[in-house]
Amino acid sequence: MSKNPLRNVAYDYLYNSIVTSKLLPGQPIVEQEISDMLGISRTPVREALKQLTAEWLVKYIPGRGTFVEEIYKSDVEEIFELREMFEDAALKSAIYEITDEEIDKMMQNLESLNCKKSSEEFYNCDRALHNLIMKYGHNRRMLYFYNSTTSQLERLRRVSAMTPNRLQASTKEHLEILSAIKERNLYKATEKLNIHLNNVKKSIFSICEQMNLNYKGMI
């Protein structure tokens, strides 16, 4: 992230608006409107948009302007294909290196989640588990490419959560993954991980199809 504070203000506002669907897929983004609302010049807004374009959250169409990137089925397929490939590979070493203490703490955090807690707490737990697996993969290049999808994953994580009871189901799936890791059962942990990723992917497709006017890239 840039050390330019105004650019960061613009980036944070736009990033959060996109991943939380306050700005919907296909919605135009007008530099002047954003700069007026934030009380800053257009330059940091333009810089923030360049970064978001690199992260595949916005797109610039010559002669038309800048828009929130749509969610295409092919993009979701590609992202989850990469996730499965990277996380399965990382799990081969992570399953023997993640400590019982780390597992117990993560399971405790997951078990403490309930309907009264914010969805952000769930997102934090979800992110922590998958990042922990990747951390113990000990492959810097794989981690680099995995991290390049972070912004898109944050957006899709929240789309998936729109599915009724998806947060509760994901919490159960996470606990099953952690239990298998604690048993040091690679086959079982890989199976549970892939079932979880496939369920999340299916929930994203379901929500996008229901919202096809806003997620028209899914049609």
Foldseek 3Di string as FASTA:
>chain_A
DDPPVVLVVLLVVVLVCQLLVVFFAFRADDLVVSCVVVVHDSVSNVVSLVVCVLLQQKDADPPPHIGGHFDALVVLVVLLVLLLVQLLLLQVQLLVVCDPVNLVVLLVLLVPDDPVDDVVSLVVSVVVLSVSSNVSSPDVVSVVVNVSNVSVVSSLVNLLVVPPCSSVVLSVLSNQLSVCSVVSPSVSNSVSVSVSSVSSSVSNLVSCVVVCVRNVNHD
